[in-house]
Amino acid sequence: MFMRVLVTFASAREASRCSRLLEESGIAISVTAVPEDISAECGIALFVKEEDRTACENIIAENRIRATMHERI
């Protein structure tokens, strides 16, 4: 089964910044709207592959991006 991680953000600025940093690091992303069952301050979310989760978490932490990760299939 292909697992993805949904990353939500506190603001569109944070989402845009994270998107740029992940792409610069060679991590494939998919931009999407935040699903209705998840509450987020920003309506923009990113999907990343499960295998890229640790790298994504590190980039988020190193750059102090306000984000939350959610498991998705």
N, C-alpha and C. Protein backbone atom coordinates (compact mmCIF):
# COMPACT_ATOMS: atom_id res chain seq x y z
N MET A 1 0.85 -1.19 0.00
CA MET A 1 0.00 0.00 0.00
C MET A 1 0.89 1.24 0.00
N PHE A 2 0.55 2.21 -0.81
CA PHE A 2 1.31 3.45 -0.93
C PHE A 2 0.85 4.41 0.16
N MET A 3 1.76 4.77 1.05
CA MET A 3 1.42 5.68 2.14
C MET A 3 1.97 7.07 1.86
N ARG A 4 1.15 8.05 2.18
CA ARG A 4 1.57 9.44 2.07
C ARG A 4 1.32 10.13 3.40
N VAL A 5 2.02 11.20 3.61
CA VAL A 5 1.84 12.02 4.80
C VAL A 5 1.29 13.37 4.34
N LEU A 6 0.24 13.82 4.99
CA LEU A 6 -0.34 15.12 4.71
C LEU A 6 0.25 16.12 5.69
N VAL A 7 0.76 17.22 5.18
CA VAL A 7 1.34 18.25 6.03
C VAL A 7 0.45 19.49 5.95
N THR A 8 -0.05 19.94 7.10
CA THR A 8 -0.88 21.15 7.15
C THR A 8 -0.08 22.26 7.84
N PHE A 9 -0.51 23.49 7.62
CA PHE A 9 0.27 24.64 8.06
C PHE A 9 -0.59 25.68 8.78
N ALA A 10 0.08 26.52 9.56
CA ALA A 10 -0.59 27.59 10.28
C ALA A 10 -0.93 28.76 9.36
N SER A 11 -0.22 28.88 8.23
CA SER A 11 -0.49 29.98 7.31
C SER A 11 -0.06 29.60 5.89
N ALA A 12 -0.59 30.33 4.92
CA ALA A 12 -0.21 30.09 3.53
C ALA A 12 1.27 30.41 3.32
N ARG A 13 1.78 31.38 4.04
CA ARG A 13 3.21 31.73 3.95
C ARG A 13 4.08 30.56 4.38
N GLU A 14 3.69 29.91 5.47
CA GLU A 14 4.44 28.74 5.95
C GLU A 14 4.37 27.61 4.92
N ALA A 15 3.21 27.40 4.32
CA ALA A 15 3.04 26.35 3.31
C ALA A 15 3.93 26.62 2.11
N SER A 16 3.95 27.85 1.65
CA SER A 16 4.76 28.22 0.50
C SER A 16 6.24 28.06 0.79
N ARG A 17 6.66 28.50 1.95
CA ARG A 17 8.06 28.38 2.35
C ARG A 17 8.49 26.92 2.44
N CYS A 18 7.65 26.10 3.06
CA CYS A 18 7.96 24.68 3.20
C CYS A 18 8.01 24.01 1.83
N SER A 19 7.07 24.34 0.98
CA SER A 19 7.04 23.77 -0.37
C SER A 19 8.34 24.05 -1.10
N ARG A 20 8.80 25.29 -1.03
CA ARG A 20 10.04 25.67 -1.70
C ARG A 20 11.23 24.91 -1.13
N LEU A 21 11.32 24.83 0.20
CA LEU A 21 12.44 24.15 0.84
C LEU A 21 12.46 22.65 0.52
N LEU A 22 11.30 22.03 0.53
CA LEU A 22 11.23 20.60 0.22
C LEU A 22 11.65 20.33 -1.22
N GLU A 23 11.13 21.14 -2.14
CA GLU A 23 11.49 20.97 -3.55
C GLU A 23 12.98 21.19 -3.77
N GLU A 24 13.56 22.19 -3.11
CA GLU A 24 15.00 22.45 -3.21
C GLU A 24 15.83 21.28 -2.68
N SER A 25 15.25 20.53 -1.75
CA SER A 25 15.92 19.37 -1.16
C SER A 25 15.69 18.10 -1.97
N GLY A 26 14.93 18.20 -3.05
CA GLY A 26 14.68 17.05 -3.90
C GLY A 26 13.54 16.16 -3.43
N ILE A 27 12.72 16.66 -2.53
CA ILE A 27 11.57 15.89 -2.02
C ILE A 27 10.36 16.22 -2.88
N ALA A 28 9.75 15.18 -3.44
CA ALA A 28 8.56 15.36 -4.27
C ALA A 28 7.37 15.71 -3.39
N ILE A 29 6.62 16.72 -3.80
CA ILE A 29 5.44 17.14 -3.05
C ILE A 29 4.25 17.23 -3.99
N SER A 30 3.07 17.22 -3.40
CA SER A 30 1.84 17.45 -4.13
C SER A 30 1.02 18.44 -3.30
N VAL A 31 0.67 19.57 -3.89
CA VAL A 31 -0.12 20.59 -3.20
C VAL A 31 -1.59 20.21 -3.29
N THR A 32 -2.30 20.36 -2.18
CA THR A 32 -3.71 20.01 -2.13
C THR A 32 -4.44 20.93 -1.15
N ALA A 33 -5.75 20.91 -1.21
CA ALA A 33 -6.56 21.61 -0.21
C ALA A 33 -6.62 20.74 1.05
N VAL A 34 -6.75 21.37 2.19
CA VAL A 34 -6.87 20.62 3.44
C VAL A 34 -8.21 19.87 3.43
N PRO A 35 -8.19 18.56 3.67
CA PRO A 35 -9.44 17.79 3.71
C PRO A 35 -10.39 18.31 4.79
N GLU A 36 -11.67 18.15 4.56
CA GLU A 36 -12.69 18.65 5.49
C GLU A 36 -12.58 18.06 6.89
N ASP A 37 -12.06 16.83 7.00
CA ASP A 37 -12.00 16.17 8.31
C ASP A 37 -10.81 16.63 9.16
N ILE A 38 -9.99 17.51 8.62
CA ILE A 38 -8.84 18.02 9.35
C ILE A 38 -9.01 19.53 9.53
N SER A 39 -8.85 19.98 10.74
CA SER A 39 -8.93 21.41 11.01
C SER A 39 -7.55 22.02 10.88
N ALA A 40 -7.45 23.09 10.13
CA ALA A 40 -6.18 23.79 9.97
C ALA A 40 -6.46 25.28 9.76
N GLU A 41 -5.55 26.09 10.19
CA GLU A 41 -5.70 27.53 10.03
C GLU A 41 -5.54 27.95 8.57
N CYS A 42 -4.79 27.17 7.83
CA CYS A 42 -4.53 27.47 6.42
C CYS A 42 -5.20 26.39 5.57
N GLY A 43 -5.73 26.77 4.43
CA GLY A 43 -6.42 25.81 3.58
C GLY A 43 -5.51 25.04 2.64
N ILE A 44 -4.19 25.31 2.70
CA ILE A 44 -3.23 24.65 1.81
C ILE A 44 -2.50 23.55 2.57
N ALA A 45 -2.34 22.41 1.91
CA ALA A 45 -1.60 21.30 2.50
C ALA A 45 -0.69 20.69 1.45
N LEU A 46 0.26 19.90 1.91
CA LEU A 46 1.18 19.20 1.02
C LEU A 46 1.13 17.71 1.31
N PHE A 47 1.23 16.90 0.27
CA PHE A 47 1.43 15.47 0.44
C PHE A 47 2.90 15.19 0.18
N VAL A 48 3.50 14.36 1.03
CA VAL A 48 4.85 13.85 0.79
C VAL A 48 4.80 12.33 0.97
N LYS A 49 5.71 11.64 0.31
CA LYS A 49 5.77 10.19 0.45
C LYS A 49 6.22 9.82 1.86
N GLU A 50 5.71 8.71 2.37
CA GLU A 50 6.08 8.23 3.70
C GLU A 50 7.60 8.10 3.82
N GLU A 51 8.25 7.66 2.75
CA GLU A 51 9.70 7.47 2.79
C GLU A 51 10.46 8.79 2.95
N ASP A 52 9.80 9.91 2.67
CA ASP A 52 10.43 11.23 2.82
C ASP A 52 10.05 11.92 4.13
N ARG A 53 9.30 11.23 4.97
CA ARG A 53 8.79 11.83 6.20
C ARG A 53 9.88 12.39 7.10
N THR A 54 10.91 11.61 7.37
CA THR A 54 11.97 12.06 8.28
C THR A 54 12.68 13.29 7.73
N ALA A 55 13.00 13.27 6.45
CA ALA A 55 13.66 14.43 5.84
C ALA A 55 12.75 15.65 5.90
N CYS A 56 11.47 15.45 5.67
CA CYS A 56 10.50 16.53 5.73
C CYS A 56 10.41 17.09 7.16
N GLU A 57 10.32 16.21 8.13
CA GLU A 57 10.27 16.64 9.54
C GLU A 57 11.52 17.44 9.91
N ASN A 58 12.67 17.01 9.43
CA ASN A 58 13.92 17.72 9.73
C ASN A 58 13.92 19.12 9.12
N ILE A 59 13.46 19.23 7.88
CA ILE A 59 13.41 20.54 7.23
C ILE A 59 12.43 21.46 7.96
N ILE A 60 11.30 20.93 8.35
CA ILE A 60 10.30 21.71 9.09
C ILE A 60 10.89 22.20 10.42
N ALA A 61 11.55 21.31 11.14
CA ALA A 61 12.13 21.68 12.44
C ALA A 61 13.27 22.69 12.30
N GLU A 62 14.18 22.42 11.36
CA GLU A 62 15.34 23.30 11.16
C GLU A 62 14.93 24.72 10.77
N ASN A 63 13.82 24.83 10.08
CA ASN A 63 13.37 26.14 9.59
C ASN A 63 12.24 26.73 10.41
N ARG A 64 11.93 26.07 11.53
CA ARG A 64 10.89 26.54 12.46
C ARG A 64 9.57 26.85 11.77
N ILE A 65 9.17 25.92 10.91
CA ILE A 65 7.90 26.05 10.19
C ILE A 65 6.80 25.45 11.06
N ARG A 66 5.72 26.18 11.21
CA ARG A 66 4.59 25.69 12.01
C ARG A 66 3.73 24.77 11.14
N ALA A 67 3.91 23.47 11.35
CA ALA A 67 3.23 22.47 10.53
C ALA A 67 2.85 21.26 11.37
N THR A 68 1.86 20.53 10.88
CA THR A 68 1.41 19.28 11.51
C THR A 68 1.36 18.21 10.46
N MET A 69 1.82 17.01 10.83
CA MET A 69 1.82 15.88 9.88
C MET A 69 0.69 14.93 10.23
N HIS A 70 0.02 14.43 9.19
CA HIS A 70 -1.13 13.53 9.34
C HIS A 70 -0.92 12.31 8.44
N GLU A 71 -1.17 11.12 8.94
CA GLU A 71 -1.06 9.90 8.15
C GLU A 71 -2.20 9.84 7.15
N ARG A 72 -1.89 9.47 5.91
CA ARG A 72 -2.91 9.31 4.87
C ARG A 72 -2.51 8.17 3.95
N ILE A 73 -3.48 7.54 3.31
CA ILE A 73 -3.19 6.49 2.34
C ILE A 73 -3.25 7.11 0.96
